[in-house]
N, C-alpha and C. Protein backbone atom coordinates (compact mmCIF):
# COMPACT_ATOMS: atom_id res chain seq x y z
N MET A 1 4.06 -13.80 17.57
CA MET A 1 2.83 -12.77 18.27
C MET A 1 2.45 -12.03 16.49
N LYS A 2 2.00 -11.26 16.31
CA LYS A 2 0.94 -10.29 15.62
C LYS A 2 2.07 -9.25 15.11
N LYS A 3 2.66 -9.13 14.09
CA LYS A 3 3.16 -7.30 13.58
C LYS A 3 2.04 -6.67 13.78
N ARG A 4 3.09 -5.31 14.33
CA ARG A 4 1.69 -4.73 13.99
C ARG A 4 1.95 -3.26 12.52
N VAL A 5 0.84 -2.93 12.79
CA VAL A 5 1.07 -2.08 10.55
C VAL A 5 2.36 -1.15 10.84
N THR A 6 3.25 -1.46 10.24
CA THR A 6 3.73 0.84 10.15
C THR A 6 3.20 0.15 8.95
N LEU A 7 4.29 1.94 8.16
CA LEU A 7 4.37 2.42 6.87
C LEU A 7 5.89 1.50 7.03
N ARG A 8 6.68 0.63 7.06
CA ARG A 8 7.88 0.53 6.79
C ARG A 8 7.98 -1.43 7.00
N VAL A 9 6.84 -2.19 7.73
CA VAL A 9 6.20 -2.94 7.35
C VAL A 9 5.42 -3.43 6.80
N ILE A 10 4.68 -3.31 5.96
CA ILE A 10 4.17 -3.05 4.90
C ILE A 10 5.21 -1.89 3.43
N ASN A 11 5.81 -1.74 3.76
CA ASN A 11 6.50 -1.25 2.25
C ASN A 11 8.30 -2.52 2.58
N LYS A 12 8.50 -3.13 2.94
CA LYS A 12 9.29 -3.92 2.69
C LYS A 12 8.37 -4.73 2.10
N GLU A 13 7.00 -5.21 3.10
CA GLU A 13 6.48 -6.34 2.57
C GLU A 13 6.59 -6.48 0.94
N ILE A 14 6.21 -5.13 0.56
CA ILE A 14 5.39 -4.64 -1.07
C ILE A 14 7.26 -5.01 -1.85
N ARG A 15 8.32 -4.25 -1.58
CA ARG A 15 9.07 -4.74 -1.94
C ARG A 15 10.26 -6.47 -1.28
N ALA A 16 9.50 -6.99 -0.61
CA ALA A 16 9.93 -8.39 -0.76
C ALA A 16 9.15 -9.36 -2.09
N MET A 17 7.87 -8.13 -2.58
CA MET A 17 7.17 -9.22 -3.36
C MET A 17 8.34 -8.54 -5.13
N GLY A 18 9.24 -7.38 -5.44
CA GLY A 18 10.42 -7.17 -6.34
C GLY A 18 9.40 -5.00 -6.68
N TYR A 19 8.49 -5.41 -6.44
CA TYR A 19 7.96 -3.79 -6.26
C TYR A 19 9.14 -2.74 -5.77
N ARG A 20 10.46 -2.41 -5.86
CA ARG A 20 11.72 -1.58 -5.32
C ARG A 20 11.78 -0.64 -5.56
N ASN A 21 10.86 0.61 -6.53
CA ASN A 21 10.38 1.40 -6.21
C ASN A 21 8.55 2.39 -5.70
N VAL A 22 8.18 1.20 -4.97
CA VAL A 22 6.53 1.47 -4.16
C VAL A 22 6.89 1.79 -3.41
N GLU A 23 5.82 2.63 -2.23
CA GLU A 23 6.31 2.83 -1.08
C GLU A 23 4.59 3.61 -0.38
N LEU A 24 4.04 3.21 0.44
CA LEU A 24 2.66 3.10 1.17
C LEU A 24 3.29 4.73 2.27
N VAL A 25 2.80 5.96 1.70
CA VAL A 25 3.59 6.98 2.59
C VAL A 25 1.48 7.71 2.81
N ARG A 26 1.91 8.78 4.23
CA ARG A 26 0.44 9.02 4.53
C ARG A 26 0.49 10.49 3.76
N GLY A 27 -0.81 10.44 3.87
CA GLY A 27 -1.11 11.61 2.73
C GLY A 27 -2.65 12.60 3.57
N ASN A 28 -2.69 13.49 3.91
CA ASN A 28 -3.64 14.40 4.38
C ASN A 28 -5.48 13.33 4.82
N GLY A 29 -4.85 13.12 6.60
CA GLY A 29 -6.01 11.59 6.39
C GLY A 29 -6.52 10.93 5.82
N TYR A 30 -5.78 10.36 4.64
CA TYR A 30 -5.31 9.53 3.81
C TYR A 30 -4.05 8.83 4.01
N TYR A 31 -4.04 7.34 2.86
CA TYR A 31 -2.56 6.65 2.85
C TYR A 31 -2.72 6.55 1.04
N TYR A 32 -1.70 7.29 0.25
CA TYR A 32 -1.36 6.28 -1.20
C TYR A 32 -0.22 5.35 -1.27
N TRP A 33 -0.83 5.37 -2.84
CA TRP A 33 0.15 4.71 -2.87
C TRP A 33 1.51 5.49 -4.20
N PHE A 34 2.93 5.65 -3.19
CA PHE A 34 3.36 6.00 -4.36
C PHE A 34 4.87 5.45 -5.15
N GLY A 35 4.96 5.76 -6.09
CA GLY A 35 5.75 5.37 -7.52
C GLY A 35 6.37 4.68 -8.69
N GLY A 36 7.36 4.51 -8.76
CA GLY A 36 6.61 2.31 -9.63
C GLY A 36 5.41 2.95 -10.35
N ILE A 37 5.00 1.48 -10.22
CA ILE A 37 3.67 1.25 -11.30
C ILE A 37 2.91 2.18 -10.61
N ALA A 38 2.78 2.50 -9.29
CA ALA A 38 2.19 3.51 -8.38
C ALA A 38 1.23 4.55 -9.41
N GLY A 39 1.76 4.76 -10.46
CA GLY A 39 2.03 5.80 -11.10
C GLY A 39 0.26 5.43 -12.18
N ARG A 40 0.74 4.16 -12.09
CA ARG A 40 0.10 4.25 -13.39
C ARG A 40 -1.51 2.99 -13.01
N PHE A 41 -1.80 3.56 -11.31
CA PHE A 41 -2.83 3.10 -11.65
C PHE A 41 -4.29 3.73 -11.38
N HIS A 42 -4.85 3.73 -11.78
CA HIS A 42 -6.40 4.17 -12.03
C HIS A 42 -6.00 5.44 -10.06
N GLU A 43 -6.60 5.15 -9.12
CA GLU A 43 -6.91 5.68 -8.20
C GLU A 43 -5.51 5.12 -6.51
N SER A 44 -4.37 6.28 -6.81
CA SER A 44 -3.93 5.69 -5.73
C SER A 44 -4.23 5.91 -4.40
N GLY A 45 -4.63 6.57 -4.18
CA GLY A 45 -5.32 6.71 -2.63
C GLY A 45 -6.30 5.81 -2.19
N VAL A 46 -6.31 5.27 -0.88
CA VAL A 46 -6.73 4.67 0.25
C VAL A 46 -7.63 5.28 1.27
N TYR A 47 -8.42 5.85 0.72
CA TYR A 47 -9.58 6.09 1.44
C TYR A 47 -10.60 5.47 2.27
N GLY A 48 -10.44 6.12 3.40
CA GLY A 48 -11.73 5.06 4.30
C GLY A 48 -10.92 4.43 5.48
N SER A 49 -8.79 4.50 5.54
CA SER A 49 -8.24 3.59 6.03
C SER A 49 -7.47 5.21 6.93
N PRO A 50 -7.79 5.92 8.05
CA PRO A 50 -6.69 6.78 8.30
C PRO A 50 -6.73 6.20 8.98
N PHE A 51 -6.23 4.89 10.08
CA PHE A 51 -5.55 4.38 10.53
C PHE A 51 -4.71 2.90 9.61
N LEU A 52 -3.48 2.86 10.27
CA LEU A 52 -2.56 1.98 9.58
C LEU A 52 -3.13 0.63 9.84
N GLY A 53 -3.98 0.44 11.16
CA GLY A 53 -4.34 -0.11 11.76
C GLY A 53 -5.84 -0.59 11.51
N SER A 54 -6.31 0.32 10.52
CA SER A 54 -7.33 -0.41 10.27
C SER A 54 -7.28 -1.24 9.11
N MET A 55 -6.41 -1.90 9.19
CA MET A 55 -6.96 -2.46 8.11
C MET A 55 -5.05 -3.28 8.22
N THR A 56 -4.99 -4.68 8.46
CA THR A 56 -4.30 -5.67 8.41
C THR A 56 -2.88 -5.39 7.42
N LEU A 57 -2.13 -6.42 7.28
CA LEU A 57 -0.81 -6.20 6.91
C LEU A 57 -1.40 -7.17 5.56
N ARG A 58 -2.36 -8.17 5.64
CA ARG A 58 -1.97 -8.52 4.63
C ARG A 58 -3.39 -7.83 3.67
N GLN A 59 -4.80 -7.38 4.58
CA GLN A 59 -5.74 -6.18 3.68
C GLN A 59 -4.85 -5.11 3.03
N TRP A 60 -3.35 -4.48 2.93
CA TRP A 60 -2.31 -3.24 2.52
C TRP A 60 -2.11 -3.73 1.22
N VAL A 61 -1.88 -5.43 1.43
CA VAL A 61 -0.48 -6.36 0.60
C VAL A 61 -1.78 -6.94 -0.73
N ASP A 62 -3.04 -6.92 0.33
CA ASP A 62 -4.54 -7.39 -1.32
C ASP A 62 -4.08 -6.05 -1.59
N ASP A 63 -4.98 -4.51 -0.81
CA ASP A 63 -5.12 -4.21 -1.60
C ASP A 63 -4.52 -3.62 -2.70
N PHE A 64 -3.13 -4.25 -2.21
CA PHE A 64 -2.20 -3.13 -3.29
C PHE A 64 -1.88 -3.58 -5.06
N ARG A 65 -2.11 -5.36 -4.42
CA ARG A 65 -2.25 -6.30 -5.52
C ARG A 65 -2.87 -6.19 -6.58
N ARG A 66 -3.81 -5.49 -6.08
CA ARG A 66 -5.88 -5.51 -6.74
C ARG A 66 -5.11 -4.52 -7.68
N ARG A 67 -4.57 -3.38 -7.23
CA ARG A 67 -3.97 -1.66 -8.16
C ARG A 67 -3.39 -2.98 -8.90
N VAL A 68 -2.08 -2.84 -9.10
CA VAL A 68 -0.96 -3.84 -10.15
C VAL A 68 -1.84 -4.41 -10.83
N SER A 69 -2.88 -5.30 -10.07
CA SER A 69 -3.26 -6.31 -11.25
C SER A 69 -4.97 -5.39 -12.36
N GLY A 70 -5.61 -4.41 -11.63
CA GLY A 70 -6.40 -3.81 -12.99
C GLY A 70 -5.39 -3.34 -14.10
N ILE A 71 -4.21 -2.84 -13.75
CA ILE A 71 -3.74 -1.58 -15.41
C ILE A 71 -3.25 -3.24 -15.75
N GLY A 72 -3.81 -2.35 -16.72
CA GLY A 72 -4.68 -2.68 -18.44
C GLY A 72 -3.47 -3.32 -18.98
């Protein structure tokens, strides 16, 4: 059965990758990465995704990975 995408599930996956101080949080009409290495992201907001279910867990994790790899 496919896991329901929730903040808890996404943040658990990010922590499992070794990023213990980062979390995805809800803003006003969008989500953004907060804490730890996310403070070094060029842009932390995830715009165009007003609902967690608009992206799969894999897409959320890939978004985070892209942002980490974009840090020089």
